[in-house]
Protein backbone atom coordinates (compact mmCIF):
# COMPACT_ATOMS: atom_id res chain seq x y z
CA MET A 1 13.37 -92.73 -34.11
CA PHE A 2 11.04 -94.97 -32.11
CA ALA A 3 12.62 -94.25 -28.72
CA ASP A 4 12.02 -90.52 -29.17
CA LEU A 5 8.46 -91.10 -30.39
CA MET A 6 7.62 -93.16 -27.31
CA TYR A 7 9.37 -90.74 -24.96
CA GLU A 8 7.61 -87.69 -26.41
CA ARG A 9 4.13 -89.24 -26.30
CA ILE A 10 4.58 -90.35 -22.69
CA VAL A 11 5.82 -86.90 -21.67
CA LYS A 12 2.93 -85.24 -23.53
CA THR A 13 0.28 -87.24 -21.64
CA GLY A 14 2.26 -87.51 -18.40
CA ASN A 15 1.24 -91.14 -18.32
CA PRO A 16 3.62 -94.09 -18.92
CA THR A 17 0.86 -96.60 -19.59
CA ALA A 18 -0.23 -98.81 -22.48
CA LEU A 19 -3.72 -100.02 -23.31
CA GLY A 20 -3.48 -103.73 -24.03
CA LEU A 21 -5.97 -104.75 -26.70
CA ASP A 22 -6.09 -108.52 -26.24
CA PRO A 23 -9.82 -108.99 -26.81
CA ARG A 24 -11.74 -112.23 -26.63
CA ILE A 25 -15.21 -112.04 -28.11
CA GLU A 26 -16.82 -112.43 -24.67
CA TYR A 27 -15.29 -109.08 -23.69
CA VAL A 28 -17.38 -107.39 -26.40
CA PRO A 29 -20.91 -106.27 -25.37
CA GLU A 30 -23.86 -107.91 -27.07
CA SER A 31 -24.97 -104.55 -28.49
CA ILE A 32 -21.78 -104.49 -30.59
CA ARG A 33 -21.77 -108.18 -31.49
CA LYS A 34 -25.29 -108.14 -32.92
CA ASN A 35 -24.32 -105.43 -35.41
CA HIS A 36 -21.65 -107.56 -37.11
CA GLY A 37 -21.68 -110.67 -39.20
CA ASN A 38 -18.51 -112.05 -37.63
CA ASP A 39 -16.48 -111.77 -34.45
CA ALA A 40 -13.65 -109.90 -36.17
CA GLY A 41 -15.92 -106.99 -37.05
CA ALA A 42 -17.24 -106.80 -33.50
CA VAL A 43 -13.72 -106.80 -32.07
CA LEU A 44 -12.71 -103.98 -34.41
CA GLU A 45 -15.57 -101.80 -33.21
CA PHE A 46 -14.76 -102.68 -29.59
CA ASN A 47 -11.12 -101.65 -30.14
CA ARG A 48 -12.07 -98.40 -31.81
CA LYS A 49 -14.39 -97.44 -28.98
CA LEU A 50 -11.67 -98.04 -26.39
CA ILE A 51 -9.17 -96.05 -28.43
CA ASP A 52 -11.67 -93.19 -28.71
CA ALA A 53 -12.23 -93.29 -24.95
CA LEU A 54 -8.57 -93.37 -23.91
CA HIS A 55 -6.30 -91.90 -26.58
CA ASP A 56 -6.04 -88.48 -24.95
CA ILE A 57 -4.78 -89.89 -21.64
CA VAL A 58 -3.08 -93.19 -22.63
CA PRO A 59 -0.21 -92.72 -25.10
CA VAL A 60 0.50 -96.32 -26.12
CA VAL A 61 -1.54 -99.28 -27.30
CA LYS A 62 -0.24 -102.87 -27.31
CA LEU A 63 -2.05 -105.44 -29.45
CA GLN A 64 -1.47 -109.14 -28.82
CA SER A 65 -1.44 -110.80 -32.23
CA ALA A 66 -2.67 -114.18 -30.97
CA TYR A 67 -6.16 -112.84 -30.31
CA TYR A 68 -6.42 -111.63 -33.90
CA GLU A 69 -4.97 -114.82 -35.38
CA LEU A 70 -7.68 -116.61 -33.40
CA LEU A 71 -10.27 -114.84 -35.56
CA GLY A 72 -8.91 -116.27 -38.81
CA PRO A 73 -8.29 -114.29 -42.01
CA ALA A 74 -10.73 -111.56 -40.94
CA GLY A 75 -8.69 -111.16 -37.77
CA ALA A 76 -5.66 -110.07 -39.80
CA PHE A 77 -7.75 -107.25 -41.26
CA THR A 78 -9.01 -106.32 -37.78
CA LEU A 79 -5.42 -106.18 -36.51
CA GLN A 80 -4.26 -103.99 -39.38
CA GLN A 81 -7.26 -101.68 -39.04
CA SER A 82 -6.85 -101.44 -35.25
CA ILE A 83 -3.20 -100.45 -35.68
CA ALA A 84 -4.12 -97.81 -38.26
CA TYR A 85 -6.93 -96.43 -36.07
CA ALA A 86 -4.69 -96.15 -33.01
CA LYS A 87 -2.00 -94.37 -35.02
CA SER A 88 -4.61 -91.96 -36.42
CA ALA A 89 -5.47 -91.17 -32.78
CA ASP A 90 -1.81 -90.25 -32.14
CA MET A 91 -1.07 -93.39 -30.11
CA VAL A 92 2.18 -95.35 -30.29
CA VAL A 93 1.49 -98.93 -31.40
CA ILE A 94 3.35 -101.98 -30.09
CA LEU A 95 2.50 -105.33 -31.66
CA ASP A 96 3.00 -108.11 -29.13
CA ALA A 97 3.86 -110.97 -31.50
CA LYS A 98 7.08 -112.35 -29.92
CA ARG A 99 8.42 -113.23 -33.35
CA ASN A 100 11.87 -114.49 -34.26
CA ASP A 101 13.76 -116.65 -36.69
CA ILE A 102 17.07 -116.32 -38.51
CA GLY A 103 18.25 -114.70 -41.70
CA SER A 104 15.72 -114.06 -44.44
CA THR A 105 12.82 -115.34 -42.31
CA ALA A 106 13.55 -112.88 -39.50
CA LYS A 107 13.79 -110.15 -42.14
CA ALA A 108 10.40 -111.19 -43.51
CA TYR A 109 8.82 -110.91 -40.06
CA ALA A 110 10.37 -107.48 -39.56
CA GLU A 111 9.24 -106.25 -42.97
CA ALA A 112 5.72 -107.61 -42.48
CA TYR A 113 5.09 -105.94 -39.15
CA LEU A 114 7.35 -102.88 -39.02
CA THR A 115 7.52 -101.41 -42.52
CA ASP A 116 4.71 -99.15 -43.68
CA ASN A 117 3.54 -101.58 -46.36
CA TYR A 118 1.42 -103.95 -44.30
CA TYR A 119 0.70 -103.84 -40.54
CA ALA A 120 2.89 -100.77 -39.91
CA ALA A 121 3.28 -101.14 -36.14
CA ASP A 122 5.71 -98.78 -34.41
CA ALA A 123 7.36 -101.63 -32.50
CA ILE A 124 7.14 -105.38 -32.04
CA THR A 125 8.08 -107.79 -29.26
CA VAL A 126 10.83 -110.22 -30.20
CA ASN A 127 12.25 -113.42 -28.72
CA GLY A 128 16.02 -113.08 -28.61
CA TYR A 129 16.93 -116.68 -27.82
CA LEU A 130 18.09 -117.41 -31.38
CA GLY A 131 20.95 -114.99 -30.85
CA THR A 132 22.39 -112.18 -32.91
CA ASP A 133 21.50 -113.51 -36.36
CA GLY A 134 17.86 -113.58 -35.30
CA ILE A 135 17.93 -109.99 -34.01
CA THR A 136 20.06 -108.17 -36.58
CA PRO A 137 17.35 -108.18 -39.31
CA PHE A 138 14.94 -106.52 -36.90
CA VAL A 139 17.51 -103.94 -35.82
CA ASP A 140 18.25 -103.15 -39.46
CA ILE A 141 14.56 -102.48 -40.16
CA CYS A 142 14.31 -100.39 -36.97
CA ARG A 143 17.21 -98.27 -38.15
CA GLU A 144 15.83 -97.88 -41.69
CA TYR A 145 12.21 -97.13 -40.78
CA GLY A 146 12.54 -95.52 -37.36
CA LYS A 147 10.83 -98.43 -35.60
CA GLY A 148 11.51 -100.34 -32.37
CA ILE A 149 11.62 -103.79 -30.82
CA PHE A 150 11.19 -105.06 -27.26
CA ILE A 151 13.24 -108.18 -26.56
CA LEU A 152 12.05 -110.70 -23.97
CA VAL A 153 14.37 -110.57 -20.96
CA LYS A 154 12.43 -111.49 -17.82
CA THR A 155 8.82 -112.36 -18.52
CA SER A 156 5.91 -112.08 -16.08
CA ASN A 157 4.64 -115.68 -16.20
CA PRO A 158 5.10 -117.89 -13.10
CA SER A 159 7.31 -120.49 -14.83
CA SER A 160 9.72 -118.00 -16.37
CA HIS A 161 12.27 -119.03 -13.73
CA GLU A 162 12.60 -122.50 -15.27
CA LEU A 163 14.93 -121.20 -17.97
CA GLN A 164 15.40 -117.48 -17.44
CA ASP A 165 16.77 -117.85 -13.89
CA MET A 166 19.17 -120.69 -14.69
CA LYS A 167 22.77 -119.85 -13.81
CA LEU A 168 25.56 -119.79 -16.35
CA GLU A 169 29.07 -120.98 -15.43
CA SER A 170 29.88 -117.41 -14.40
CA GLY A 171 26.99 -117.45 -11.92
CA MET A 172 25.01 -114.94 -13.99
CA PRO A 173 21.35 -115.82 -14.60
CA VAL A 174 20.30 -116.31 -18.21
CA TYR A 175 18.03 -113.24 -18.10
CA GLU A 176 20.97 -111.02 -17.10
CA LYS A 177 22.98 -112.36 -20.02
CA MET A 178 20.05 -111.50 -22.29
CA ALA A 179 20.07 -107.99 -20.81
CA GLU A 180 23.77 -107.68 -21.74
CA MET A 181 22.90 -108.65 -25.30
CA VAL A 182 20.07 -106.09 -25.42
CA ASN A 183 22.61 -103.42 -24.48
CA LYS A 184 24.91 -104.53 -27.29
CA TRP A 185 22.18 -104.78 -29.93
CA GLY A 186 20.79 -101.35 -29.05
CA SER A 187 24.04 -99.46 -28.59
CA ASP A 188 23.93 -97.59 -31.91
CA VAL A 189 20.17 -96.89 -32.04
CA ILE A 190 20.06 -94.27 -29.28
CA GLY A 191 17.56 -91.43 -29.62
CA ASN A 192 17.85 -87.83 -28.52
CA CYS A 193 15.99 -88.80 -25.34
CA GLY A 194 18.94 -90.98 -24.31
CA TYR A 195 17.07 -94.26 -24.77
CA SER A 196 17.51 -96.92 -27.41
CA SER A 197 14.87 -98.10 -29.87
CA ILE A 198 15.94 -101.62 -28.88
CA GLY A 199 14.08 -102.15 -25.62
CA ALA A 200 13.28 -105.02 -23.28
CA VAL A 201 10.27 -106.81 -21.83
CA VAL A 202 10.48 -107.20 -18.05
CA GLY A 203 7.44 -108.34 -16.05
CA ALA A 204 5.84 -106.45 -13.20
CA THR A 205 5.51 -109.68 -11.23
CA TYR A 206 9.27 -109.74 -10.53
CA PRO A 207 9.91 -106.33 -8.92
CA GLU A 208 13.42 -107.02 -7.62
CA GLU A 209 14.59 -108.34 -10.97
CA LEU A 210 12.93 -105.36 -12.64
CA LYS A 211 14.82 -102.94 -10.40
CA ASN A 212 18.14 -104.64 -11.10
CA LEU A 213 17.52 -104.84 -14.83
CA ARG A 214 16.76 -101.13 -14.95
CA LYS A 215 20.30 -100.58 -13.66
CA ASN A 216 21.78 -103.19 -15.99
CA MET A 217 20.06 -101.75 -19.09
CA PRO A 218 20.29 -97.97 -18.54
CA LYS A 219 19.60 -97.14 -22.20
CA ALA A 220 16.81 -99.65 -22.87
CA MET A 221 13.17 -98.58 -22.88
CA LEU A 222 11.28 -101.16 -20.82
CA LEU A 223 7.89 -102.64 -21.66
CA ILE A 224 6.39 -103.88 -18.39
CA PRO A 225 3.49 -106.34 -18.64
CA GLY A 226 1.77 -107.99 -15.70
CA TYR A 227 0.06 -104.94 -14.18
CA GLY A 228 -3.48 -105.34 -12.88
CA ALA A 229 -5.09 -108.67 -13.70
CA GLN A 230 -1.75 -110.54 -13.49
CA GLY A 231 -1.10 -109.17 -10.02
CA GLY A 232 1.41 -106.37 -10.50
CA GLY A 233 0.78 -102.97 -8.92
CA ALA A 234 2.31 -99.50 -8.96
CA GLU A 235 4.83 -100.32 -6.23
CA ASP A 236 5.95 -103.39 -8.17
CA VAL A 237 6.73 -101.46 -11.36
CA LYS A 238 8.37 -98.34 -9.95
CA GLY A 239 11.81 -99.95 -10.10
CA GLY A 240 11.52 -100.04 -13.89
CA PHE A 241 11.79 -96.24 -14.14
CA ASP A 242 14.91 -94.13 -13.99
CA GLU A 243 15.58 -91.45 -11.37
CA ASN A 244 13.57 -88.96 -13.43
CA GLY A 245 10.54 -91.23 -13.77
CA ASN A 246 11.28 -92.11 -17.40
CA GLY A 247 12.32 -95.11 -19.46
CA ALA A 248 9.38 -97.48 -19.15
CA VAL A 249 5.78 -98.09 -20.19
CA VAL A 250 3.40 -100.24 -18.14
CA ASN A 251 0.78 -102.34 -19.91
CA SER A 252 -2.69 -103.18 -18.65
CA SER A 253 -4.94 -105.34 -20.81
CA ARG A 254 -7.86 -106.99 -19.00
CA GLY A 255 -7.56 -104.37 -16.26
CA LEU A 256 -8.67 -101.72 -18.76
CA MET A 257 -10.73 -103.69 -21.28
CA CYS A 258 -12.77 -105.37 -18.55
CA ALA A 259 -12.58 -102.65 -15.90
CA TRP A 260 -16.37 -102.63 -15.64
CA LYS A 261 -16.12 -106.05 -13.90
CA ALA A 262 -13.66 -104.90 -11.22
CA LYS A 263 -14.78 -105.24 -7.61
CA LYS A 264 -14.07 -101.58 -6.94
CA PHE A 265 -16.59 -100.63 -9.64
CA TYR A 266 -19.25 -103.13 -8.54
CA GLY A 267 -22.68 -101.67 -9.17
CA THR A 268 -21.24 -98.62 -10.95
CA TYR A 269 -20.80 -99.89 -14.51
CA GLY A 270 -22.45 -102.48 -16.69
CA HIS A 271 -21.00 -104.26 -19.71
CA GLU A 272 -22.33 -101.60 -22.08
CA GLU A 273 -20.39 -98.97 -20.13
CA PHE A 274 -17.02 -100.61 -20.69
CA CYS A 275 -15.52 -97.40 -22.12
CA GLU A 276 -16.49 -95.28 -19.12
CA ALA A 277 -15.10 -97.91 -16.76
CA ALA A 278 -11.87 -98.20 -18.77
CA ARG A 279 -11.33 -94.44 -18.68
CA ASN A 280 -11.92 -94.32 -14.94
CA GLU A 281 -9.47 -97.19 -14.40
CA ALA A 282 -6.90 -95.54 -16.69
CA ILE A 283 -7.06 -92.36 -14.61
CA LEU A 284 -6.66 -94.37 -11.39
CA MET A 285 -3.71 -96.24 -12.90
CA LYS A 286 -2.07 -92.98 -13.98
CA THR A 287 -2.52 -91.55 -10.49
CA SER A 288 -1.14 -94.67 -8.81
CA LEU A 289 1.93 -94.78 -11.05
CA ALA A 290 2.63 -91.07 -10.52
CA ALA A 291 2.48 -91.53 -6.75
CA ALA A 292 4.81 -94.55 -6.85
CA ILE A 293 7.32 -93.15 -9.32
CA GLY A 294 7.46 -89.77 -7.59
């Protein structure tokens, strides 16, 4: 079951973090680019080097599908190969695709990304705003194949309040209603760890909402984006963890991929040393989270 897989890998590394592989070609050093005939090949090598550098200390990788779609047909191959490489390195793989539809189309998305026939991710992000008939096909595939989904509840972008914070007639914000639905959809997919394979996305940039949603969704594993480059820090995300320091994974994308450019590393690393910088930043992130979570 996905929830147990995620829980066990995080416990094994003692590090509830995810490496976000959302690479634009300008993130890739020239020494890698010149060895490939297209951008997709260069991105694949870049991804593999980061996975090699971090897999022993970072248990999860999150790949944003848009950056691979941007590379055209070759990007689909790069995405599939990156997923396979991360899994071979014993990392849990979340595909950040935010897919949804209804009926047979939702089932097709779930089969494409979560079964072992094609992309074979361990989990995928899903937009729940089509309601139950858009989520049930994903939950069915999760149950059959031991996979997971993370449903958007309170996202990290600045304008998320425009819809997600709107009040229903009861006075409850829309995002809290979505949290209620996550609880319902995940109620019979609970792992031995006590968490459900039906999780939620809650951004680091809204720490108070994150803290409240942790209480409102006690069985949901949380995927927390927005750390690092988007402004979230260890103190902002600590409310997403339970009293034992479990139940969440914090994603950093540019903060790890482009760590060599960080002000704190100025003069220490160059572009060609992106792996060394990423590893150093990953260790600092792990230390900061441990201190905040307690």
